[in-house]
Amino acid sequence: MSASPTRTFAAVTAIVAGLAFLHFVELSSDARIVREVQNAGHAVLFGVIALLALAIFRGSGAKGYAVALVVTLALGGMSEYLQSSNPIRDASLGDWLRDAGGAIAFLLIAAIWHRDVRSRRAVGVSLAMAAACMLAVAAPVVLVWQDYRGRDAALPRLCCVGGEWEKTFFRSNATQLRPMPLDENPAGEGFLQVNIPAGKWPGFRIREVYPDWSGYEVLAFDVYAEVPAPTVLVLRVDDRDHDGSDYHDRFNRDLTIEAGLNRFRVPIGEILDAPAGRRMDVRQMDKVFLFADHPQRPFTLWFNGFSLIEKAPHAKN
């Protein structure tokens, strides 16, 4: 028995609406956890699309499930192909696999619900397959959530503590940071070797730093150098309201690096007051950068990570 024209029209309309939502609705946040939840949402969306396709083809018996799956996978592939023309999105095999996982899981559950799968063994296998698909989709969300927990637990250190969680938040521009054995490290314990090449703004950034800097007074870090002449690095700090491009809407400071140990203690008040025409939100800090400005030759430094220093208690009279 085939679906009625009304049912088919409703299902097709809902499928088109779901695909339109995927393509035209943009999330306002660039947070990694939000992006991973959005990616996992692909599975739910295409699971629903698979059920809508099944509503059209289920009258064909077992074949209807296969047709619904093929149609859903084709729509997922077409969706990814169309995204390749969107300048702010990319086609992703991972997203297509999430689409497939959601479609398979939802169709298996539907088969059990409609009693198209009846034997106890078949039901058990179907449930196990559906659970495996959804666990595979949910795993990246859980892993990123654990990275956020690692970031929060490291406070007042913002980076470079050797935790696996840092890979989620650390980004390098042609610059290598690596630990060294203590007996080979001229800077001492806690310093990473930073190999900076010649080029355009080589360096690194920590994105989505722990956002609430209230209760802290200073952003601190040390740089050790064996350079024969002064070297200039640039420290940049953005909050979440930074427009992404305006030089005057963020904190920027040139740092002269002399040979030997260089200790930097930057008052957070100066960072907050840096943008022209506004003050940064101390509870919404976002990124910290350290980079060289067009160095003409490669050089090596040692860096011990960014830390926040608490405000000193007020002295009693």
Protein backbone atom coordinates (compact mmCIF):
# COMPACT_ATOMS: atom_id res chain seq x y z
CA MET A 1 0.00 0.00 0.00
CA SER A 2 1.52 3.32 -1.09
CA ALA A 3 1.32 6.51 0.94
CA SER A 4 -1.53 8.88 0.24
CA PRO A 5 -0.82 12.03 -1.80
CA THR A 6 -1.44 14.16 1.30
CA ARG A 7 0.97 12.12 3.38
CA THR A 8 3.59 12.19 0.64
CA PHE A 9 3.24 15.94 0.20
CA ALA A 10 3.57 16.53 3.96
CA ALA A 11 6.66 14.30 4.16
CA VAL A 12 8.35 15.95 1.18
CA THR A 13 7.59 19.41 2.55
CA ALA A 14 9.08 18.49 5.92
CA ILE A 15 12.20 17.05 4.25
CA VAL A 16 12.71 20.23 2.23
CA ALA A 17 12.21 22.35 5.36
CA GLY A 18 14.81 20.29 7.22
CA LEU A 19 17.37 20.63 4.44
CA ALA A 20 16.68 24.37 4.19
CA PHE A 21 17.23 24.73 7.94
CA LEU A 22 20.56 22.93 7.62
CA HIS A 23 21.74 25.18 4.80
CA PHE A 24 20.47 28.60 5.78
CA VAL A 25 20.41 28.73 9.59
CA GLU A 26 23.77 29.75 11.06
CA LEU A 27 24.70 29.32 14.70
CA SER A 28 25.80 32.52 16.41
CA SER A 29 28.58 30.84 18.37
CA ASP A 30 31.94 29.54 17.14
CA ALA A 31 32.55 27.61 20.36
CA ARG A 32 33.94 24.16 19.68
CA ILE A 33 31.37 22.43 21.87
CA VAL A 34 28.54 24.18 20.02
CA ARG A 35 30.00 23.09 16.68
CA GLU A 36 30.28 19.49 17.86
CA VAL A 37 26.68 19.53 19.06
CA GLN A 38 25.69 20.94 15.68
CA ASN A 39 27.62 18.14 13.96
CA ALA A 40 25.87 15.56 16.12
CA GLY A 41 22.60 17.23 15.17
CA HIS A 42 23.20 16.04 11.60
CA ALA A 43 22.43 12.53 12.80
CA VAL A 44 19.15 13.58 14.38
CA LEU A 45 18.08 15.67 11.38
CA PHE A 46 18.81 12.95 8.85
CA GLY A 47 17.32 10.35 11.14
CA VAL A 48 14.07 12.32 10.98
CA ILE A 49 14.45 12.69 7.21
CA ALA A 50 14.86 8.92 6.96
CA LEU A 51 11.61 8.44 8.90
CA LEU A 52 9.85 10.90 6.61
CA ALA A 53 11.15 9.01 3.58
CA LEU A 54 10.00 5.77 5.20
CA ALA A 55 6.52 7.25 5.60
CA ILE A 56 6.42 7.52 1.81
CA PHE A 57 7.93 4.12 0.94
CA ARG A 58 7.02 1.85 3.86
CA GLY A 59 4.15 0.31 1.88
CA SER A 60 6.79 -1.54 -0.13
CA GLY A 61 7.64 -3.75 2.88
CA ALA A 62 11.28 -4.44 3.70
CA LYS A 63 12.27 -2.81 0.43
CA GLY A 64 10.79 0.44 1.71
CA TYR A 65 13.43 0.68 4.45
CA ALA A 66 16.21 0.22 1.91
CA VAL A 67 14.72 2.84 -0.38
CA ALA A 68 14.29 5.29 2.51
CA LEU A 69 17.94 4.77 3.49
CA VAL A 70 19.21 5.23 -0.07
CA VAL A 71 17.11 8.39 -0.53
CA THR A 72 18.39 9.81 2.78
CA LEU A 73 22.03 9.06 1.95
CA ALA A 74 21.57 10.66 -1.48
CA LEU A 75 20.07 13.77 0.12
CA GLY A 76 22.95 13.88 2.60
CA GLY A 77 25.50 13.64 -0.21
CA MET A 78 23.71 16.35 -2.18
CA SER A 79 23.62 18.54 0.94
CA GLU A 80 27.38 18.21 1.45
CA TYR A 81 28.04 18.93 -2.22
CA LEU A 82 25.94 22.10 -2.10
CA GLN A 83 27.78 23.25 1.01
CA SER A 84 31.03 23.28 -0.97
CA SER A 85 29.72 26.41 -2.73
CA ASN A 86 29.10 28.17 0.59
CA PRO A 87 32.15 30.33 1.51
CA ILE A 88 31.64 29.79 5.25
CA ARG A 89 31.03 26.04 5.07
CA ASP A 90 32.84 23.03 3.71
CA ALA A 91 31.70 19.68 2.40
CA SER A 92 32.52 17.03 5.00
CA LEU A 93 32.73 13.26 4.75
CA GLY A 94 32.37 13.19 8.53
CA ASP A 95 29.03 15.00 8.33
CA TRP A 96 27.82 12.57 5.67
CA LEU A 97 28.80 9.63 7.88
CA ARG A 98 26.86 11.24 10.75
CA ASP A 99 23.89 11.56 8.40
CA ALA A 100 24.20 7.87 7.59
CA GLY A 101 24.55 6.91 11.26
CA GLY A 102 21.42 8.82 12.21
CA ALA A 103 19.42 7.43 9.29
CA ILE A 104 20.41 3.83 10.06
CA ALA A 105 19.70 4.20 13.78
CA PHE A 106 16.29 5.79 13.30
CA LEU A 107 15.23 3.27 10.63
CA LEU A 108 16.27 0.36 12.86
CA ILE A 109 14.23 1.76 15.74
CA ALA A 110 11.30 2.33 13.37
CA ALA A 111 11.51 -1.29 12.18
CA ILE A 112 11.29 -2.48 15.80
CA TRP A 113 8.48 -0.03 16.59
CA HIS A 114 6.41 -1.16 13.60
CA ARG A 115 7.20 -4.80 14.38
CA ASP A 116 8.83 -5.30 11.02
CA VAL A 117 11.60 -6.90 13.07
CA ARG A 118 10.07 -9.57 15.26
CA SER A 119 12.50 -12.22 16.44
CA ARG A 120 14.20 -11.55 19.76
CA ARG A 121 17.64 -11.96 18.21
CA ALA A 122 16.86 -9.57 15.34
CA VAL A 123 15.51 -7.00 17.77
CA GLY A 124 18.64 -7.29 19.91
CA VAL A 125 20.95 -6.91 16.91
CA SER A 126 18.94 -3.92 15.63
CA LEU A 127 19.06 -2.18 19.01
CA ALA A 128 22.79 -2.81 19.31
CA MET A 129 23.44 -1.41 15.83
CA ALA A 130 21.26 1.65 16.50
CA ALA A 131 23.04 2.28 19.81
CA ALA A 132 26.48 1.89 18.18
CA CYS A 133 25.57 4.43 15.49
CA MET A 134 24.38 7.01 17.99
CA LEU A 135 27.32 6.44 20.34
CA ALA A 136 29.70 7.03 17.44
CA VAL A 137 27.89 10.29 16.70
CA ALA A 138 27.86 11.40 20.35
CA ALA A 139 31.48 10.47 21.14
CA PRO A 140 33.09 13.67 19.74
CA VAL A 141 30.73 15.79 21.84
CA VAL A 142 31.72 13.90 25.00
CA LEU A 143 35.44 14.14 24.18
CA VAL A 144 35.27 17.90 23.59
CA TRP A 145 33.26 18.35 26.79
CA GLN A 146 36.06 16.55 28.64
CA ASP A 147 38.57 18.95 27.02
CA TYR A 148 36.61 21.89 28.42
CA ARG A 149 36.74 20.28 31.86
CA GLY A 150 40.51 19.90 31.51
CA ARG A 151 40.82 23.57 30.51
CA ASP A 152 38.78 24.67 33.51
CA ALA A 153 40.72 22.46 35.93
CA ALA A 154 44.05 23.94 34.76
CA LEU A 155 43.11 27.46 35.88
CA PRO A 156 44.99 29.75 36.60
CA ARG A 157 47.15 28.27 33.83
CA LEU A 158 45.69 29.08 30.40
CA CYS A 159 47.95 26.88 28.30
CA CYS A 160 51.05 24.76 27.93
CA VAL A 161 50.56 22.45 30.90
CA GLY A 162 51.01 19.30 28.81
CA GLY A 163 47.38 18.17 28.90
CA GLU A 164 45.71 16.36 26.01
CA TRP A 165 42.84 18.84 26.28
CA GLU A 166 45.06 21.63 24.94
CA LYS A 167 44.94 20.22 21.41
CA THR A 168 41.33 21.40 21.16
CA PHE A 169 42.20 25.01 21.93
CA PHE A 170 45.76 25.44 20.63
CA ARG A 171 46.44 26.62 17.07
CA SER A 172 49.84 27.24 15.50
CA ASN A 173 50.80 29.34 12.50
CA ALA A 174 53.88 27.56 11.12
CA THR A 175 55.40 27.50 14.62
CA GLN A 176 56.56 24.40 16.47
CA LEU A 177 56.35 24.05 20.25
CA ARG A 178 57.94 21.01 21.81
CA PRO A 179 59.05 19.87 25.26
CA MET A 180 62.72 19.18 25.86
CA PRO A 181 64.61 17.07 28.40
CA LEU A 182 65.58 19.21 31.36
CA ASP A 183 69.29 18.64 30.80
CA GLU A 184 68.94 20.03 27.26
CA ASN A 185 66.70 22.94 28.17
CA PRO A 186 68.61 26.19 28.75
CA ALA A 187 65.50 27.90 30.17
CA GLY A 188 64.81 25.30 32.84
CA GLU A 189 61.79 23.30 33.93
CA GLY A 190 58.38 24.24 32.55
CA PHE A 191 59.64 25.87 29.35
CA LEU A 192 58.78 24.66 25.85
CA GLN A 193 61.07 25.19 22.90
CA VAL A 194 59.43 27.46 20.30
CA ASN A 195 60.85 27.29 16.78
CA ILE A 196 59.69 30.35 14.84
CA PRO A 197 60.30 30.40 11.08
CA ALA A 198 60.75 33.40 8.84
CA GLY A 199 57.49 34.54 7.29
CA LYS A 200 54.22 36.36 7.87
CA TRP A 201 53.18 36.47 11.53
CA PRO A 202 54.41 33.02 12.65
CA GLY A 203 53.27 32.17 16.14
CA PHE A 204 50.40 30.54 17.99
CA ARG A 205 47.12 31.28 19.68
CA ILE A 206 44.97 29.83 22.43
CA ARG A 207 41.32 30.06 21.48
CA GLU A 208 38.43 29.75 23.91
CA VAL A 209 40.63 30.39 26.90
CA TYR A 210 38.91 30.13 30.26
CA PRO A 211 36.59 33.12 29.78
CA ASP A 212 36.14 34.59 33.26
CA TRP A 213 39.20 36.58 34.29
CA SER A 214 37.45 38.44 37.09
CA GLY A 215 39.35 38.06 40.34
CA TYR A 216 42.68 38.09 38.48
CA GLU A 217 45.02 41.04 38.13
CA VAL A 218 47.80 40.03 35.75
CA LEU A 219 48.40 37.93 32.63
CA ALA A 220 51.86 36.44 33.16
CA PHE A 221 54.37 34.50 31.06
CA ASP A 222 58.12 34.21 30.62
CA VAL A 223 60.24 33.96 27.48
CA TYR A 224 63.83 32.82 27.45
CA ALA A 225 66.00 33.72 24.46
CA GLU A 226 69.51 33.14 23.24
CA VAL A 227 69.15 35.67 20.44
CA PRO A 228 72.17 37.89 19.79
CA ALA A 229 70.04 40.99 19.20
CA PRO A 230 66.62 42.20 20.44
CA THR A 231 63.63 40.36 18.93
CA VAL A 232 60.07 41.70 18.90
CA LEU A 233 57.04 39.53 19.61
CA VAL A 234 53.42 40.68 19.58
CA LEU A 235 50.95 39.82 22.33
CA ARG A 236 47.31 40.02 21.28
CA VAL A 237 44.19 39.39 23.37
CA ASP A 238 40.59 39.25 22.10
CA ASP A 239 37.33 38.99 23.95
CA ARG A 240 34.19 37.41 22.50
CA ASP A 241 32.87 40.78 21.30
CA HIS A 242 35.91 41.43 19.08
CA ASP A 243 34.76 41.94 15.50
CA GLY A 244 37.52 39.70 14.16
CA SER A 245 39.42 42.23 12.06
CA ASP A 246 39.69 45.71 13.62
CA TYR A 247 43.19 46.23 15.02
CA HIS A 248 41.86 48.89 17.40
CA ASP A 249 39.16 46.59 18.83
CA ARG A 250 41.56 44.35 20.75
CA PHE A 251 44.66 44.42 22.94
CA ASN A 252 47.99 44.57 21.07
CA ARG A 253 51.42 45.05 22.57
CA ASP A 254 54.91 44.76 21.12
CA LEU A 255 57.31 42.92 23.41
CA THR A 256 61.06 43.33 23.05
CA ILE A 257 62.84 40.07 23.76
CA GLU A 258 66.40 40.42 25.00
CA ALA A 259 68.89 37.59 25.42
CA GLY A 260 68.24 35.70 28.65
CA LEU A 261 65.06 35.45 30.72
CA ASN A 262 62.28 37.93 29.95
CA ARG A 263 59.43 38.14 32.46
CA PHE A 264 56.19 39.72 31.28
CA ARG A 265 53.38 40.76 33.63
CA VAL A 266 50.55 42.52 31.79
CA PRO A 267 47.85 44.14 33.96
CA ILE A 268 44.45 42.77 32.98
CA GLY A 269 42.97 46.25 33.44
CA GLU A 270 45.14 47.48 30.56
CA ILE A 271 43.95 44.59 28.41
CA LEU A 272 40.30 45.38 29.15
CA ASP A 273 40.74 49.08 28.36
CA ALA A 274 42.56 48.53 25.06
CA PRO A 275 39.67 48.51 22.51
CA ALA A 276 38.74 51.92 21.13
CA GLY A 277 35.29 53.02 22.26
CA ARG A 278 34.50 50.14 24.57
CA ARG A 279 35.80 48.03 27.44
CA MET A 280 36.27 44.29 27.15
CA ASP A 281 34.00 42.07 29.21
CA VAL A 282 36.27 40.46 31.83
CA ARG A 283 33.93 37.45 31.95
CA GLN A 284 33.98 36.91 28.18
CA MET A 285 37.67 36.61 27.25
CA ASP A 286 38.34 34.51 24.17
CA LYS A 287 41.80 34.30 22.57
CA VAL A 288 45.44 34.99 23.42
CA PHE A 289 48.06 35.23 20.65
CA LEU A 290 51.84 35.38 20.68
CA PHE A 291 53.55 35.84 17.32
CA ALA A 292 56.46 37.47 15.52
CA ASP A 293 55.92 40.29 13.03
CA HIS A 294 57.41 39.21 9.68
CA PRO A 295 60.77 37.87 10.93
CA GLN A 296 63.43 37.78 8.22
CA ARG A 297 65.14 34.66 9.58
CA PRO A 298 64.15 31.70 11.79
CA PHE A 299 64.89 31.83 15.50
CA THR A 300 64.23 29.82 18.66
CA LEU A 301 62.74 30.86 21.99
CA TRP A 302 61.59 29.09 25.15
CA PHE A 303 58.12 29.79 26.56
CA ASN A 304 56.47 28.67 29.82
CA GLY A 305 52.79 29.29 29.03
CA PHE A 306 50.20 31.91 29.93
CA SER A 307 48.97 32.17 33.51
CA LEU A 308 46.60 34.41 35.43
CA ILE A 309 47.73 35.91 38.74
CA GLU A 310 45.10 36.63 41.37
CA LYS A 311 44.53 40.08 42.77
CA ALA A 312 46.49 40.73 45.90
CA PRO A 313 44.29 41.04 49.03
CA HIS A 314 43.86 44.59 50.31
CA ALA A 315 46.15 45.38 53.18
CA LYS A 316 44.43 46.09 56.49
CA ASN A 317 45.16 49.35 58.30
